[in-house]
Amino acid sequence: MEFEASIAHSAQCLKKAVPLMVKYSVPVTPLNYAIWYCYVLGQKPALNQQLDATLAKLGTCPPHIARQLFDTFLSERDLALFHELSGTFHGAISGVQEDIAKTLETSQDYSAVLAECYAGLYNIKRNNIESFDGVLNYVERLTAESITMQQEAFAFQKKLEVAYQEISELKGALIDSQIQASLDKLTGLFNRGKFDEDFNLFCQSYSENEQRALLFVDIDHFKQLNDSFGHLTGDATLRKIASKLAYHVEGVGAAYRYGGEEFCILASFSSVGEAVNFAQKIRVDIAKLSVKNKEQNKAVHPITASFGIAFLQSDGEKDTLLAKADKALYLAKTHGRDRVEIA
């Protein structure tokens, strides 16, 4: 496998490979990185086919299968990709450190010359020809040293600019990779993995001064909609509802696609009533959506959603909060759907 040893190239690889590895719960090891780097390049179709088949069957790529893929399609040389990324990044940092040390050394030399010239000028005898020659010598020496110092400083500045740009690009790629790995590809909301991560922190921040709420949102009769109008319409419906959730949670909390046609929201409110009103606004907004018959341009399937709300009562009650929100959603479903229930 051919590759370039540059931070810019590594950053591009990270933008594609790392989110996939995170999505399928694959550890970012040198061997796995080499496999997924090759996968995103698409230069070995057979590897992609086997990896796709494994992911479809298992939902991840276990270590023993990864080893088989590596032994079949790659070589030890390909492990250099992972080490190249790390080595280039640390090399850039080391280069900056060396340039700083060199510039400090030059600065110290310049300071020593300044001190020497100062002492020399102080001791020069006044009012004779020799004193003028001495002053001129010191001025020439200071001028030469100043020019050298300016050149060193300018060169150091340019090196810092290059290093800053390279490190910023890599940092941006890593941040972008983390963000992309946290998003649901269909709806653009945060995914289940991000929810699990945020939920742990959410449950550790109980406060008596606010109502921290978990809201479950489930689309009513979604299977019927899919069966009647097809998965493309179903996907479009999910995106529309996700857009509504994203709009309403802005500044209040965060929305996630929990799985299938189910969403959830983590948010903080001043009171229970405020949380209920918040959910009711979203419910009404969703009810304005509908699936239309393209030929007649008429609404033929209403879209509604059921809501279950639970409130955090103490730090660390993660499982209890989930169970209560799930129970509230179940009540909303059994009491006729298109409604809000509180655990």
C-alpha atoms as a PDB file:
ATOM      1  CA  MET A   1       0.000   0.000   0.000  1.00  0.00           C
ATOM      2  CA  GLU A   2       1.461   3.334  -1.012  1.00  0.00           C
ATOM      3  CA  PHE A   3       1.175   6.267   1.385  1.00  0.00           C
ATOM      4  CA  GLU A   4       2.498   9.763   1.940  1.00  0.00           C
ATOM      5  CA  ALA A   5       4.169  10.711   5.204  1.00  0.00           C
ATOM      6  CA  SER A   6       2.491  14.069   5.796  1.00  0.00           C
ATOM      7  CA  ILE A   7       0.211  15.374   8.497  1.00  0.00           C
ATOM      8  CA  ALA A   8      -2.248  16.671   5.915  1.00  0.00           C
ATOM      9  CA  HIS A   9      -2.571  13.208   4.378  1.00  0.00           C
ATOM     10  CA  SER A  10      -2.898  11.569   7.796  1.00  0.00           C
ATOM     11  CA  ALA A  11      -5.596  14.061   8.717  1.00  0.00           C
ATOM     12  CA  GLN A  12      -7.616  13.128   5.648  1.00  0.00           C
ATOM     13  CA  CYS A  13      -7.315   9.453   6.566  1.00  0.00           C
ATOM     14  CA  LEU A  14      -8.449  10.191  10.113  1.00  0.00           C
ATOM     15  CA  LYS A  15     -11.555  11.987   8.855  1.00  0.00           C
ATOM     16  CA  LYS A  16     -12.683   8.798   7.145  1.00  0.00           C
ATOM     17  CA  ALA A  17     -11.174   5.859   9.014  1.00  0.00           C
ATOM     18  CA  VAL A  18     -11.533   6.784  12.681  1.00  0.00           C
ATOM     19  CA  PRO A  19     -15.306   7.511  12.642  1.00  0.00           C
ATOM     20  CA  LEU A  20     -15.905   4.110  11.024  1.00  0.00           C
ATOM     21  CA  MET A  21     -13.768   2.369  13.640  1.00  0.00           C
ATOM     22  CA  VAL A  22     -15.664   4.128  16.420  1.00  0.00           C
ATOM     23  CA  LYS A  23     -19.013   3.310  14.810  1.00  0.00           C
ATOM     24  CA  TYR A  24     -18.249  -0.403  14.719  1.00  0.00           C
ATOM     25  CA  SER A  25     -16.511  -0.464  18.133  1.00  0.00           C
ATOM     26  CA  VAL A  26     -13.119  -1.298  16.653  1.00  0.00           C
ATOM     27  CA  PRO A  27     -10.111  -0.351  18.837  1.00  0.00           C
ATOM     28  CA  VAL A  28      -7.732   2.181  17.247  1.00  0.00           C
ATOM     29  CA  THR A  29      -4.679  -0.079  17.172  1.00  0.00           C
ATOM     30  CA  PRO A  30      -1.889  -0.017  14.566  1.00  0.00           C
ATOM     31  CA  LEU A  31      -3.206  -3.208  12.930  1.00  0.00           C
ATOM     32  CA  ASN A  32      -6.829  -2.018  12.823  1.00  0.00           C
ATOM     33  CA  TYR A  33      -5.842   1.433  11.611  1.00  0.00           C
ATOM     34  CA  ALA A  34      -3.907  -0.101   8.712  1.00  0.00           C
ATOM     35  CA  ILE A  35      -6.944  -2.225   7.773  1.00  0.00           C
ATOM     36  CA  TRP A  36      -9.413   0.665   7.893  1.00  0.00           C
ATOM     37  CA  TYR A  37      -7.026   3.004   6.124  1.00  0.00           C
ATOM     38  CA  CYS A  38      -6.914   0.508   3.264  1.00  0.00           C
ATOM     39  CA  TYR A  39     -10.702   0.146   3.483  1.00  0.00           C
ATOM     40  CA  VAL A  40     -11.419   3.855   2.999  1.00  0.00           C
ATOM     41  CA  LEU A  41      -8.940   4.030   0.124  1.00  0.00           C
ATOM     42  CA  GLY A  42     -10.798   1.207  -1.633  1.00  0.00           C
ATOM     43  CA  GLN A  43      -7.681  -0.100  -3.354  1.00  0.00           C
ATOM     44  CA  LYS A  44      -8.301  -3.711  -2.294  1.00  0.00           C
ATOM     45  CA  PRO A  45     -11.930  -4.594  -3.192  1.00  0.00           C
ATOM     46  CA  ALA A  46     -11.611  -8.129  -1.782  1.00  0.00           C
ATOM     47  CA  LEU A  47     -10.682  -6.751   1.641  1.00  0.00           C
ATOM     48  CA  ASN A  48     -13.644  -4.366   1.533  1.00  0.00           C
ATOM     49  CA  GLN A  49     -16.013  -7.183   0.583  1.00  0.00           C
ATOM     50  CA  GLN A  50     -14.865  -9.438   3.428  1.00  0.00           C
ATOM     51  CA  LEU A  51     -14.939  -6.604   5.945  1.00  0.00           C
ATOM     52  CA  ASP A  52     -18.430  -5.524   4.814  1.00  0.00           C
ATOM     53  CA  ALA A  53     -19.661  -9.107   5.158  1.00  0.00           C
ATOM     54  CA  THR A  54     -18.195  -9.339   8.657  1.00  0.00           C
ATOM     55  CA  LEU A  55     -19.789  -6.054   9.712  1.00  0.00           C
ATOM     56  CA  ALA A  56     -23.168  -7.077   8.294  1.00  0.00           C
ATOM     57  CA  LYS A  57     -23.053 -10.356  10.212  1.00  0.00           C
ATOM     58  CA  LEU A  58     -21.449  -9.334  13.514  1.00  0.00           C
ATOM     59  CA  GLY A  59     -21.796  -5.559  13.656  1.00  0.00           C
ATOM     60  CA  THR A  60     -18.079  -5.248  14.361  1.00  0.00           C
ATOM     61  CA  CYS A  61     -14.746  -6.775  13.362  1.00  0.00           C
ATOM     62  CA  PRO A  62     -13.368  -9.027  16.147  1.00  0.00           C
ATOM     63  CA  PRO A  63      -9.587  -9.171  16.716  1.00  0.00           C
ATOM     64  CA  HIS A  64      -9.153 -12.666  15.229  1.00  0.00           C
ATOM     65  CA  ILE A  65     -10.901 -11.663  11.983  1.00  0.00           C
ATOM     66  CA  ALA A  66      -8.912  -8.422  11.847  1.00  0.00           C
ATOM     67  CA  ARG A  67      -5.737 -10.490  12.130  1.00  0.00           C
ATOM     68  CA  GLN A  68      -6.894 -12.737   9.277  1.00  0.00           C
ATOM     69  CA  LEU A  69      -7.699  -9.736   7.065  1.00  0.00           C
ATOM     70  CA  PHE A  70      -4.333  -8.179   7.817  1.00  0.00           C
ATOM     71  CA  ASP A  71      -2.406 -11.400   7.081  1.00  0.00           C
ATOM     72  CA  THR A  72      -4.342 -11.924   3.832  1.00  0.00           C
ATOM     73  CA  PHE A  73      -4.286  -8.445   2.334  1.00  0.00           C
ATOM     74  CA  LEU A  74      -1.639  -6.366   4.111  1.00  0.00           C
ATOM     75  CA  SER A  75       1.885  -6.579   5.457  1.00  0.00           C
ATOM     76  CA  GLU A  76       3.932  -5.426   8.415  1.00  0.00           C
ATOM     77  CA  ARG A  77       5.003  -2.413   6.381  1.00  0.00           C
ATOM     78  CA  ASP A  78       1.448  -1.135   6.445  1.00  0.00           C
ATOM     79  CA  LEU A  79       1.654  -0.768  10.226  1.00  0.00           C
ATOM     80  CA  ALA A  80       3.914   2.189   9.509  1.00  0.00           C
ATOM     81  CA  LEU A  81       0.770   4.198   8.677  1.00  0.00           C
ATOM     82  CA  PHE A  82      -0.269   4.366  12.292  1.00  0.00           C
ATOM     83  CA  HIS A  83       3.240   5.022  13.540  1.00  0.00           C
ATOM     84  CA  GLU A  84       3.772   7.615  10.798  1.00  0.00           C
ATOM     85  CA  LEU A  85       0.821   9.624  12.055  1.00  0.00           C
ATOM     86  CA  SER A  86       2.069   9.573  15.635  1.00  0.00           C
ATOM     87  CA  GLY A  87       5.698  10.085  14.631  1.00  0.00           C
ATOM     88  CA  THR A  88       4.973  13.021  12.341  1.00  0.00           C
ATOM     89  CA  PHE A  89       2.862  14.743  14.962  1.00  0.00           C
ATOM     90  CA  HIS A  90       5.466  14.311  17.682  1.00  0.00           C
ATOM     91  CA  GLY A  91       8.151  15.229  15.173  1.00  0.00           C
ATOM     92  CA  ALA A  92       6.456  18.563  14.580  1.00  0.00           C
ATOM     93  CA  ILE A  93       6.397  19.201  18.322  1.00  0.00           C
ATOM     94  CA  SER A  94      10.057  18.186  18.671  1.00  0.00           C
ATOM     95  CA  GLY A  95      10.956  20.502  15.797  1.00  0.00           C
ATOM     96  CA  VAL A  96       9.295  23.412  17.578  1.00  0.00           C
ATOM     97  CA  GLN A  97      11.163  22.564  20.765  1.00  0.00           C
ATOM     98  CA  GLU A  98      14.489  22.493  18.923  1.00  0.00           C
ATOM     99  CA  ASP A  99      13.767  25.819  17.240  1.00  0.00           C
ATOM    100  CA  ILE A 100      12.851  27.376  20.584  1.00  0.00           C
ATOM    101  CA  ALA A 101      16.074  26.095  22.147  1.00  0.00           C
ATOM    102  CA  LYS A 102      18.116  27.416  19.235  1.00  0.00           C
ATOM    103  CA  THR A 103      16.434  30.816  19.373  1.00  0.00           C
ATOM    104  CA  LEU A 104      16.948  31.029  23.130  1.00  0.00           C
ATOM    105  CA  GLU A 105      20.601  30.195  22.658  1.00  0.00           C
ATOM    106  CA  THR A 106      20.943  32.956  20.057  1.00  0.00           C
ATOM    107  CA  SER A 107      19.110  35.333  22.366  1.00  0.00           C
ATOM    108  CA  GLN A 108      21.462  34.492  25.218  1.00  0.00           C
ATOM    109  CA  ASP A 109      24.476  35.099  22.980  1.00  0.00           C
ATOM    110  CA  TYR A 110      23.009  38.436  21.952  1.00  0.00           C
ATOM    111  CA  SER A 111      22.419  39.367  25.583  1.00  0.00           C
ATOM    112  CA  ALA A 112      26.021  38.533  26.389  1.00  0.00           C
ATOM    113  CA  VAL A 113      27.263  40.756  23.565  1.00  0.00           C
ATOM    114  CA  LEU A 114      25.014  43.586  24.768  1.00  0.00           C
ATOM    115  CA  ALA A 115      26.436  43.287  28.259  1.00  0.00           C
ATOM    116  CA  GLU A 116      29.982  43.200  26.961  1.00  0.00           C
ATOM    117  CA  CYS A 117      29.461  46.240  24.717  1.00  0.00           C
ATOM    118  CA  TYR A 118      27.762  48.121  27.521  1.00  0.00           C
ATOM    119  CA  ALA A 119      30.709  47.504  29.828  1.00  0.00           C
ATOM    120  CA  GLY A 120      33.153  48.402  27.067  1.00  0.00           C
ATOM    121  CA  LEU A 121      31.390  51.642  26.250  1.00  0.00           C
ATOM    122  CA  TYR A 122      31.237  52.547  29.919  1.00  0.00           C
ATOM    123  CA  ASN A 123      34.999  52.131  30.273  1.00  0.00           C
ATOM    124  CA  ILE A 124      36.009  53.999  27.120  1.00  0.00           C
ATOM    125  CA  LYS A 125      38.020  57.116  27.783  1.00  0.00           C
ATOM    126  CA  ARG A 126      36.232  60.264  26.711  1.00  0.00           C
ATOM    127  CA  ASN A 127      37.407  63.083  24.494  1.00  0.00           C
ATOM    128  CA  ASN A 128      40.145  61.385  22.453  1.00  0.00           C
ATOM    129  CA  ILE A 129      40.429  59.909  18.982  1.00  0.00           C
ATOM    130  CA  GLU A 130      40.750  56.352  20.258  1.00  0.00           C
ATOM    131  CA  SER A 131      37.439  56.636  22.037  1.00  0.00           C
ATOM    132  CA  PHE A 132      35.632  57.335  18.728  1.00  0.00           C
ATOM    133  CA  ASP A 133      37.238  54.264  17.155  1.00  0.00           C
ATOM    134  CA  GLY A 134      36.174  52.174  20.154  1.00  0.00           C
ATOM    135  CA  VAL A 135      32.600  53.385  19.964  1.00  0.00           C
ATOM    136  CA  LEU A 136      32.464  52.692  16.225  1.00  0.00           C
ATOM    137  CA  ASN A 137      33.751  49.149  16.798  1.00  0.00           C
ATOM    138  CA  TYR A 138      31.078  48.472  19.390  1.00  0.00           C
ATOM    139  CA  VAL A 139      28.378  49.961  17.137  1.00  0.00           C
ATOM    140  CA  GLU A 140      29.485  47.748  14.237  1.00  0.00           C
ATOM    141  CA  ARG A 141      29.470  44.686  16.462  1.00  0.00           C
ATOM    142  CA  LEU A 142      26.026  45.485  17.890  1.00  0.00           C
ATOM    143  CA  THR A 143      24.680  46.143  14.405  1.00  0.00           C
ATOM    144  CA  ALA A 144      25.956  42.775  13.147  1.00  0.00           C
ATOM    145  CA  GLU A 145      24.569  40.946  16.193  1.00  0.00           C
ATOM    146  CA  SER A 146      21.201  42.725  15.841  1.00  0.00           C
ATOM    147  CA  ILE A 147      20.930  41.689  12.199  1.00  0.00           C
ATOM    148  CA  THR A 148      21.729  38.078  13.129  1.00  0.00           C
ATOM    149  CA  MET A 149      19.153  38.154  15.902  1.00  0.00           C
ATOM    150  CA  GLN A 150      16.494  39.575  13.591  1.00  0.00           C
ATOM    151  CA  GLN A 151      17.196  36.907  10.985  1.00  0.00           C
ATOM    152  CA  GLU A 152      16.983  34.145  13.589  1.00  0.00           C
ATOM    153  CA  ALA A 153      13.761  35.556  14.979  1.00  0.00           C
ATOM    154  CA  PHE A 154      12.207  35.846  11.512  1.00  0.00           C
ATOM    155  CA  ALA A 155      13.201  32.267  10.610  1.00  0.00           C
ATOM    156  CA  PHE A 156      11.846  31.025  13.940  1.00  0.00           C
ATOM    157  CA  GLN A 157       8.567  32.852  13.345  1.00  0.00           C
ATOM    158  CA  LYS A 158       8.144  31.189   9.951  1.00  0.00           C
ATOM    159  CA  LYS A 159       8.858  27.758  11.414  1.00  0.00           C
ATOM    160  CA  LEU A 160       6.308  28.386  14.160  1.00  0.00           C
ATOM    161  CA  GLU A 161       3.705  29.389  11.573  1.00  0.00           C
ATOM    162  CA  VAL A 162       4.234  26.155   9.619  1.00  0.00           C
ATOM    163  CA  ALA A 163       4.184  24.004  12.764  1.00  0.00           C
ATOM    164  CA  TYR A 164       1.076  25.776  14.055  1.00  0.00           C
ATOM    165  CA  GLN A 165      -0.724  25.200  10.765  1.00  0.00           C
ATOM    166  CA  GLU A 166       0.170  21.511  10.648  1.00  0.00           C
ATOM    167  CA  ILE A 167      -0.780  20.836  14.250  1.00  0.00           C
ATOM    168  CA  SER A 168      -4.008  22.833  13.864  1.00  0.00           C
ATOM    169  CA  GLU A 169      -4.967  20.754  10.820  1.00  0.00           C
ATOM    170  CA  LEU A 170      -4.423  17.522  12.708  1.00  0.00           C
ATOM    171  CA  LYS A 171      -6.317  18.811  15.738  1.00  0.00           C
ATOM    172  CA  GLY A 172      -9.186  19.871  13.482  1.00  0.00           C
ATOM    173  CA  ALA A 173      -9.248  16.460  11.840  1.00  0.00           C
ATOM    174  CA  LEU A 174      -9.375  14.699  15.193  1.00  0.00           C
ATOM    175  CA  ILE A 175     -12.176  16.955  16.453  1.00  0.00           C
ATOM    176  CA  ASP A 176     -14.095  16.491  13.206  1.00  0.00           C
ATOM    177  CA  SER A 177     -13.631  12.720  13.484  1.00  0.00           C
ATOM    178  CA  GLN A 178     -14.991  12.737  17.016  1.00  0.00           C
ATOM    179  CA  ILE A 179     -17.999  14.817  15.990  1.00  0.00           C
ATOM    180  CA  GLN A 180     -18.773  12.661  12.970  1.00  0.00           C
ATOM    181  CA  ALA A 181     -18.454   9.514  15.069  1.00  0.00           C
ATOM    182  CA  SER A 182     -21.073  10.941  17.478  1.00  0.00           C
ATOM    183  CA  LEU A 183     -23.724  11.662  14.831  1.00  0.00           C
ATOM    184  CA  ASP A 184     -26.457   9.484  13.406  1.00  0.00           C
ATOM    185  CA  LYS A 185     -25.879   9.465   9.655  1.00  0.00           C
ATOM    186  CA  LEU A 186     -29.552   9.430   8.668  1.00  0.00           C
ATOM    187  CA  THR A 187     -30.956  12.142  10.918  1.00  0.00           C
ATOM    188  CA  GLY A 188     -27.925  14.226  11.877  1.00  0.00           C
ATOM    189  CA  LEU A 189     -28.832  13.991  15.564  1.00  0.00           C
ATOM    190  CA  PHE A 190     -26.446  12.535  18.129  1.00  0.00           C
ATOM    191  CA  ASN A 191     -26.336   8.738  18.027  1.00  0.00           C
ATOM    192  CA  ARG A 192     -26.867   6.084  20.707  1.00  0.00           C
ATOM    193  CA  GLY A 193     -23.183   5.935  21.571  1.00  0.00           C
ATOM    194  CA  LYS A 194     -23.099   9.669  22.233  1.00  0.00           C
ATOM    195  CA  PHE A 195     -26.273   9.354  24.322  1.00  0.00           C
ATOM    196  CA  ASP A 196     -24.726   6.674  26.529  1.00  0.00           C
ATOM    197  CA  GLU A 197     -21.693   8.897  27.055  1.00  0.00           C
ATOM    198  CA  ASP A 198     -23.698  12.049  27.818  1.00  0.00           C
ATOM    199  CA  PHE A 199     -26.275  10.203  29.924  1.00  0.00           C
ATOM    200  CA  ASN A 200     -23.636   9.073  32.417  1.00  0.00           C
ATOM    201  CA  LEU A 201     -22.578  12.666  32.993  1.00  0.00           C
ATOM    202  CA  PHE A 202     -26.176  13.862  32.998  1.00  0.00           C
ATOM    203  CA  CYS A 203     -27.069  11.518  35.862  1.00  0.00           C
ATOM    204  CA  GLN A 204     -24.131  12.733  37.944  1.00  0.00           C
ATOM    205  CA  SER A 205     -25.304  16.358  37.975  1.00  0.00           C
ATOM    206  CA  TYR A 206     -28.447  16.336  40.109  1.00  0.00           C
ATOM    207  CA  SER A 207     -29.534  19.723  41.451  1.00  0.00           C
ATOM    208  CA  GLU A 208     -32.520  20.697  43.580  1.00  0.00           C
ATOM    209  CA  ASN A 209     -32.704  23.999  41.695  1.00  0.00           C
ATOM    210  CA  GLU A 210     -33.669  22.471  38.357  1.00  0.00           C
ATOM    211  CA  GLN A 211     -35.600  19.599  36.829  1.00  0.00           C
ATOM    212  CA  ARG A 212     -33.256  17.429  34.797  1.00  0.00           C
ATOM    213  CA  ALA A 213     -35.409  15.352  32.464  1.00  0.00           C
ATOM    214  CA  LEU A 214     -35.076  12.412  30.117  1.00  0.00           C
ATOM    215  CA  LEU A 215     -37.709  12.373  27.361  1.00  0.00           C
ATOM    216  CA  PHE A 216     -38.370   9.366  25.163  1.00  0.00           C
ATOM    217  CA  VAL A 217     -40.048  10.119  21.823  1.00  0.00           C
ATOM    218  CA  ASP A 218     -41.484   7.306  19.691  1.00  0.00           C
ATOM    219  CA  ILE A 219     -43.143   7.722  16.284  1.00  0.00           C
ATOM    220  CA  ASP A 220     -46.639   6.211  16.297  1.00  0.00           C
ATOM    221  CA  HIS A 221     -47.441   3.418  13.804  1.00  0.00           C
ATOM    222  CA  PHE A 222     -44.070   3.787  12.103  1.00  0.00           C
ATOM    223  CA  LYS A 223     -43.999   0.185  10.878  1.00  0.00           C
ATOM    224  CA  GLN A 224     -47.339   0.717   9.155  1.00  0.00           C
ATOM    225  CA  LEU A 225     -45.958   3.850   7.475  1.00  0.00           C
ATOM    226  CA  ASN A 226     -42.905   1.927   6.262  1.00  0.00           C
ATOM    227  CA  ASP A 227     -44.988  -0.972   4.975  1.00  0.00           C
ATOM    228  CA  SER A 228     -47.421   1.323   3.169  1.00  0.00           C
ATOM    229  CA  PHE A 229     -45.056   3.867   1.646  1.00  0.00           C
ATOM    230  CA  GLY A 230     -41.616   2.251   1.678  1.00  0.00           C
ATOM    231  CA  HIS A 231     -38.367   2.813   3.535  1.00  0.00           C
ATOM    232  CA  LEU A 232     -37.456   5.955   1.598  1.00  0.00           C
ATOM    233  CA  THR A 233     -40.575   7.660   2.920  1.00  0.00           C
ATOM    234  CA  GLY A 234     -39.845   6.269   6.355  1.00  0.00           C
ATOM    235  CA  ASP A 235     -36.333   7.695   6.262  1.00  0.00           C
ATOM    236  CA  ALA A 236     -37.646  11.064   5.112  1.00  0.00           C
ATOM    237  CA  THR A 237     -40.098  11.042   8.031  1.00  0.00           C
ATOM    238  CA  LEU A 238     -37.299  10.309  10.497  1.00  0.00           C
ATOM    239  CA  ARG A 239     -35.286  13.214   9.121  1.00  0.00           C
ATOM    240  CA  LYS A 240     -38.248  15.596   9.375  1.00  0.00           C
ATOM    241  CA  ILE A 241     -38.946  14.670  12.981  1.00  0.00           C
ATOM    242  CA  ALA A 242     -35.251  14.883  13.828  1.00  0.00           C
ATOM    243  CA  SER A 243     -35.267  18.406  12.411  1.00  0.00           C
ATOM    244  CA  LYS A 244     -38.168  19.342  14.656  1.00  0.00           C
ATOM    245  CA  LEU A 245     -36.392  17.947  17.716  1.00  0.00           C
ATOM    246  CA  ALA A 246     -33.151  19.730  16.877  1.00  0.00           C
ATOM    247  CA  TYR A 247     -35.014  23.018  16.539  1.00  0.00           C
ATOM    248  CA  HIS A 248     -36.819  22.721  19.878  1.00  0.00           C
ATOM    249  CA  VAL A 249     -33.875  21.505  21.984  1.00  0.00           C
ATOM    250  CA  GLU A 250     -31.559  24.332  20.938  1.00  0.00           C
ATOM    251  CA  GLY A 251     -30.465  26.125  24.081  1.00  0.00           C
ATOM    252  CA  VAL A 252     -32.353  23.653  26.300  1.00  0.00           C
ATOM    253  CA  GLY A 253     -30.625  20.316  25.888  1.00  0.00           C
ATOM    254  CA  ALA A 254     -29.629  17.741  23.311  1.00  0.00           C
ATOM    255  CA  ALA A 255     -31.548  15.330  21.072  1.00  0.00           C
ATOM    256  CA  TYR A 256     -30.472  11.804  20.115  1.00  0.00           C
ATOM    257  CA  ARG A 257     -31.643   9.025  17.850  1.00  0.00           C
ATOM    258  CA  TYR A 258     -31.980   6.219  20.368  1.00  0.00           C
ATOM    259  CA  GLY A 259     -32.693   3.531  17.798  1.00  0.00           C
ATOM    260  CA  GLY A 260     -35.130   2.807  14.952  1.00  0.00           C
ATOM    261  CA  GLU A 261     -38.043   5.225  15.221  1.00  0.00           C
ATOM    262  CA  GLU A 262     -37.260   6.145  18.828  1.00  0.00           C
ATOM    263  CA  PHE A 263     -35.570   9.384  19.897  1.00  0.00           C
ATOM    264  CA  CYS A 264     -34.640  10.834  23.255  1.00  0.00           C
ATOM    265  CA  ILE A 265     -33.858  14.217  24.751  1.00  0.00           C
ATOM    266  CA  LEU A 266     -31.724  15.227  27.729  1.00  0.00           C
ATOM    267  CA  ALA A 267     -32.678  18.673  29.014  1.00  0.00           C
ATOM    268  CA  SER A 268     -32.997  20.859  32.106  1.00  0.00           C
ATOM    269  CA  PHE A 269     -36.103  22.826  33.086  1.00  0.00           C
ATOM    270  CA  SER A 270     -37.140  25.166  35.882  1.00  0.00           C
ATOM    271  CA  SER A 271     -40.223  23.091  36.687  1.00  0.00           C
ATOM    272  CA  VAL A 272     -42.125  19.937  35.795  1.00  0.00           C
ATOM    273  CA  GLY A 273     -44.748  22.052  34.073  1.00  0.00           C
ATOM    274  CA  GLU A 274     -42.154  23.657  31.839  1.00  0.00           C
ATOM    275  CA  ALA A 275     -40.907  20.212  30.786  1.00  0.00           C
ATOM    276  CA  VAL A 276     -44.436  19.037  29.970  1.00  0.00           C
ATOM    277  CA  ASN A 277     -45.170  22.197  27.942  1.00  0.00           C
ATOM    278  CA  PHE A 278     -41.876  21.677  26.097  1.00  0.00           C
ATOM    279  CA  ALA A 279     -42.878  18.134  25.130  1.00  0.00           C
ATOM    280  CA  GLN A 280     -46.393  19.238  24.160  1.00  0.00           C
ATOM    281  CA  LYS A 281     -44.991  21.874  21.779  1.00  0.00           C
ATOM    282  CA  ILE A 282     -42.879  19.277  20.019  1.00  0.00           C
ATOM    283  CA  ARG A 283     -45.811  16.833  19.893  1.00  0.00           C
ATOM    284  CA  VAL A 284     -48.057  19.451  18.256  1.00  0.00           C
ATOM    285  CA  ASP A 285     -45.325  20.442  15.827  1.00  0.00           C
ATOM    286  CA  ILE A 286     -44.810  16.820  14.768  1.00  0.00           C
ATOM    287  CA  ALA A 287     -48.562  16.353  14.305  1.00  0.00           C
ATOM    288  CA  LYS A 288     -48.462  19.021  11.614  1.00  0.00           C
ATOM    289  CA  LEU A 289     -46.344  16.683   9.473  1.00  0.00           C
ATOM    290  CA  SER A 290     -47.905  14.162   7.104  1.00  0.00           C
ATOM    291  CA  VAL A 291     -47.107  11.767   4.288  1.00  0.00           C
ATOM    292  CA  LYS A 292     -48.585  12.906   1.000  1.00  0.00           C
ATOM    293  CA  ASN A 293     -49.794  11.074  -2.083  1.00  0.00           C
ATOM    294  CA  LYS A 294     -47.531  12.466  -4.815  1.00  0.00           C
ATOM    295  CA  GLU A 295     -50.117  12.008  -7.561  1.00  0.00           C
ATOM    296  CA  GLN A 296     -52.989  13.691  -5.696  1.00  0.00           C
ATOM    297  CA  ASN A 297     -50.755  15.872  -3.485  1.00  0.00           C
ATOM    298  CA  LYS A 298     -52.981  15.041  -0.511  1.00  0.00           C
ATOM    299  CA  ALA A 299     -52.056  13.951   2.985  1.00  0.00           C
ATOM    300  CA  VAL A 300     -52.789  10.231   3.277  1.00  0.00           C
ATOM    301  CA  HIS A 301     -50.972   9.318   6.507  1.00  0.00           C
ATOM    302  CA  PRO A 302     -50.811  11.491   9.634  1.00  0.00           C
ATOM    303  CA  ILE A 303     -47.609  11.525  11.668  1.00  0.00           C
ATOM    304  CA  THR A 304     -47.778  11.593  15.442  1.00  0.00           C
ATOM    305  CA  ALA A 305     -45.451  10.743  18.296  1.00  0.00           C
ATOM    306  CA  SER A 306     -45.782   9.610  21.897  1.00  0.00           C
ATOM    307  CA  PHE A 307     -43.693  11.076  24.729  1.00  0.00           C
ATOM    308  CA  GLY A 308     -42.534   9.671  28.049  1.00  0.00           C
ATOM    309  CA  ILE A 309     -40.858  11.928  30.613  1.00  0.00           C
ATOM    310  CA  ALA A 310     -38.859  11.039  33.725  1.00  0.00           C
ATOM    311  CA  PHE A 311     -37.014  13.350  36.117  1.00  0.00           C
ATOM    312  CA  LEU A 312     -33.687  12.821  37.835  1.00  0.00           C
ATOM    313  CA  GLN A 313     -34.243  12.515  41.591  1.00  0.00           C
ATOM    314  CA  SER A 314     -30.660  11.984  42.798  1.00  0.00           C
ATOM    315  CA  ASP A 315     -27.104  11.513  41.529  1.00  0.00           C
ATOM    316  CA  GLY A 316     -26.317   8.285  39.745  1.00  0.00           C
ATOM    317  CA  GLU A 317     -29.838   6.856  39.280  1.00  0.00           C
ATOM    318  CA  LYS A 318     -29.122   6.022  35.639  1.00  0.00           C
ATOM    319  CA  ASP A 319     -30.957   2.698  35.353  1.00  0.00           C
ATOM    320  CA  THR A 320     -33.925   3.972  37.353  1.00  0.00           C
ATOM    321  CA  LEU A 321     -34.279   7.052  35.172  1.00  0.00           C
ATOM    322  CA  LEU A 322     -34.210   4.982  31.989  1.00  0.00           C
ATOM    323  CA  ALA A 323     -36.810   2.582  33.346  1.00  0.00           C
ATOM    324  CA  LYS A 324     -39.119   5.406  34.421  1.00  0.00           C
ATOM    325  CA  ALA A 325     -38.905   7.177  31.055  1.00  0.00           C
ATOM    326  CA  ASP A 326     -39.531   3.894  29.253  1.00  0.00           C
ATOM    327  CA  LYS A 327     -42.553   3.214  31.477  1.00  0.00           C
ATOM    328  CA  ALA A 328     -43.932   6.688  30.790  1.00  0.00           C
ATOM    329  CA  LEU A 329     -43.574   6.108  27.052  1.00  0.00           C
ATOM    330  CA  TYR A 330     -45.388   2.787  27.390  1.00  0.00           C
ATOM    331  CA  LEU A 331     -48.259   4.571  29.172  1.00  0.00           C
ATOM    332  CA  ALA A 332     -48.450   7.128  26.360  1.00  0.00           C
ATOM    333  CA  LYS A 333     -48.697   4.301  23.840  1.00  0.00           C
ATOM    334  CA  THR A 334     -51.346   2.348  25.745  1.00  0.00           C
ATOM    335  CA  HIS A 335     -53.431   5.445  26.517  1.00  0.00           C
ATOM    336  CA  GLY A 336     -54.005   6.217  22.851  1.00  0.00           C
ATOM    337  CA  ARG A 337     -50.684   7.578  21.485  1.00  0.00           C
ATOM    338  CA  ASP A 338     -49.994  11.143  20.355  1.00  0.00           C
ATOM    339  CA  ARG A 339     -49.734  12.215  23.991  1.00  0.00           C
ATOM    340  CA  VAL A 340     -47.282  13.056  26.790  1.00  0.00           C
ATOM    341  CA  GLU A 341     -47.016  10.978  29.972  1.00  0.00           C
ATOM    342  CA  ILE A 342     -44.868  11.454  33.084  1.00  0.00           C
ATOM    343  CA  ALA A 343     -43.411   8.570  35.068  1.00  0.00           C
END
